[in-house]
Amino acid sequence: MSLEEELFEIERGFWIEGADYFAAHLAERCLLAFPQSIGGGSLR
């Protein structure tokens, strides 16, 4: 898998895999990557 494909799959996971995936891949020091989606609930 190329780096581009790997990064695409990670990005894809943020959009379709749900809050657990998002929380597992969010950098600990990230203050805000994307605003919370409607109906998304809390990540923690």
C-alpha atoms as a PDB file:
ATOM      1  CA  MET A   1       0.000   0.000   0.000  1.00  0.00           C
ATOM      2  CA  SER A   2       1.398   3.399  -0.940  1.00  0.00           C
ATOM      3  CA  LEU A   3       1.665   6.230   1.584  1.00  0.00           C
ATOM      4  CA  GLU A   4      -1.113   8.067  -0.255  1.00  0.00           C
ATOM      5  CA  GLU A   5      -3.413   5.036   0.022  1.00  0.00           C
ATOM      6  CA  GLU A   6      -2.571   4.550   3.694  1.00  0.00           C
ATOM      7  CA  LEU A   7      -3.310   8.188   4.510  1.00  0.00           C
ATOM      8  CA  PHE A   8      -6.543   8.018   2.538  1.00  0.00           C
ATOM      9  CA  GLU A   9      -7.663   4.984   4.560  1.00  0.00           C
ATOM     10  CA  ILE A  10      -6.896   6.794   7.832  1.00  0.00           C
ATOM     11  CA  GLU A  11      -8.848   9.843   6.636  1.00  0.00           C
ATOM     12  CA  ARG A  12     -11.705   7.622   5.475  1.00  0.00           C
ATOM     13  CA  GLY A  13     -11.888   6.124   8.955  1.00  0.00           C
ATOM     14  CA  PHE A  14     -12.405   9.559  10.510  1.00  0.00           C
ATOM     15  CA  TRP A  15     -15.515  10.021   8.372  1.00  0.00           C
ATOM     16  CA  ILE A  16     -17.150   6.594   8.553  1.00  0.00           C
ATOM     17  CA  GLU A  17     -15.821   4.552  11.490  1.00  0.00           C
ATOM     18  CA  GLY A  18     -17.355   6.505  14.361  1.00  0.00           C
ATOM     19  CA  ALA A  19     -16.275   8.095  17.612  1.00  0.00           C
ATOM     20  CA  ASP A  20     -14.067   5.235  18.868  1.00  0.00           C
ATOM     21  CA  TYR A  21     -11.909   5.331  15.718  1.00  0.00           C
ATOM     22  CA  PHE A  22     -11.747   9.121  15.872  1.00  0.00           C
ATOM     23  CA  ALA A  23     -10.680   9.133  19.538  1.00  0.00           C
ATOM     24  CA  ALA A  24      -8.088   6.390  18.945  1.00  0.00           C
ATOM     25  CA  HIS A  25      -6.426   8.334  16.104  1.00  0.00           C
ATOM     26  CA  LEU A  26      -6.638  11.880  17.434  1.00  0.00           C
ATOM     27  CA  ALA A  27      -3.328  13.333  18.577  1.00  0.00           C
ATOM     28  CA  GLU A  28      -3.271  13.847  22.338  1.00  0.00           C
ATOM     29  CA  ARG A  29      -2.301  17.518  21.975  1.00  0.00           C
ATOM     30  CA  CYS A  30      -4.724  18.289  19.148  1.00  0.00           C
ATOM     31  CA  LEU A  31      -7.032  21.062  20.264  1.00  0.00           C
ATOM     32  CA  LEU A  32      -9.489  20.886  17.363  1.00  0.00           C
ATOM     33  CA  ALA A  33      -9.269  19.014  14.099  1.00  0.00           C
ATOM     34  CA  PHE A  34     -12.912  19.184  12.994  1.00  0.00           C
ATOM     35  CA  PRO A  35     -15.986  20.587  14.680  1.00  0.00           C
ATOM     36  CA  GLN A  36     -18.234  17.980  16.262  1.00  0.00           C
ATOM     37  CA  SER A  37     -20.762  16.607  13.799  1.00  0.00           C
ATOM     38  CA  ILE A  38     -24.477  16.955  14.338  1.00  0.00           C
ATOM     39  CA  GLY A  39     -25.635  14.099  16.556  1.00  0.00           C
ATOM     40  CA  GLY A  40     -22.048  12.936  17.041  1.00  0.00           C
ATOM     41  CA  GLY A  41     -22.074  13.004  20.813  1.00  0.00           C
ATOM     42  CA  SER A  42     -19.001  13.356  22.984  1.00  0.00           C
ATOM     43  CA  LEU A  43     -15.732  11.578  22.196  1.00  0.00           C
ATOM     44  CA  ARG A  44     -14.920  11.146  25.868  1.00  0.00           C
END
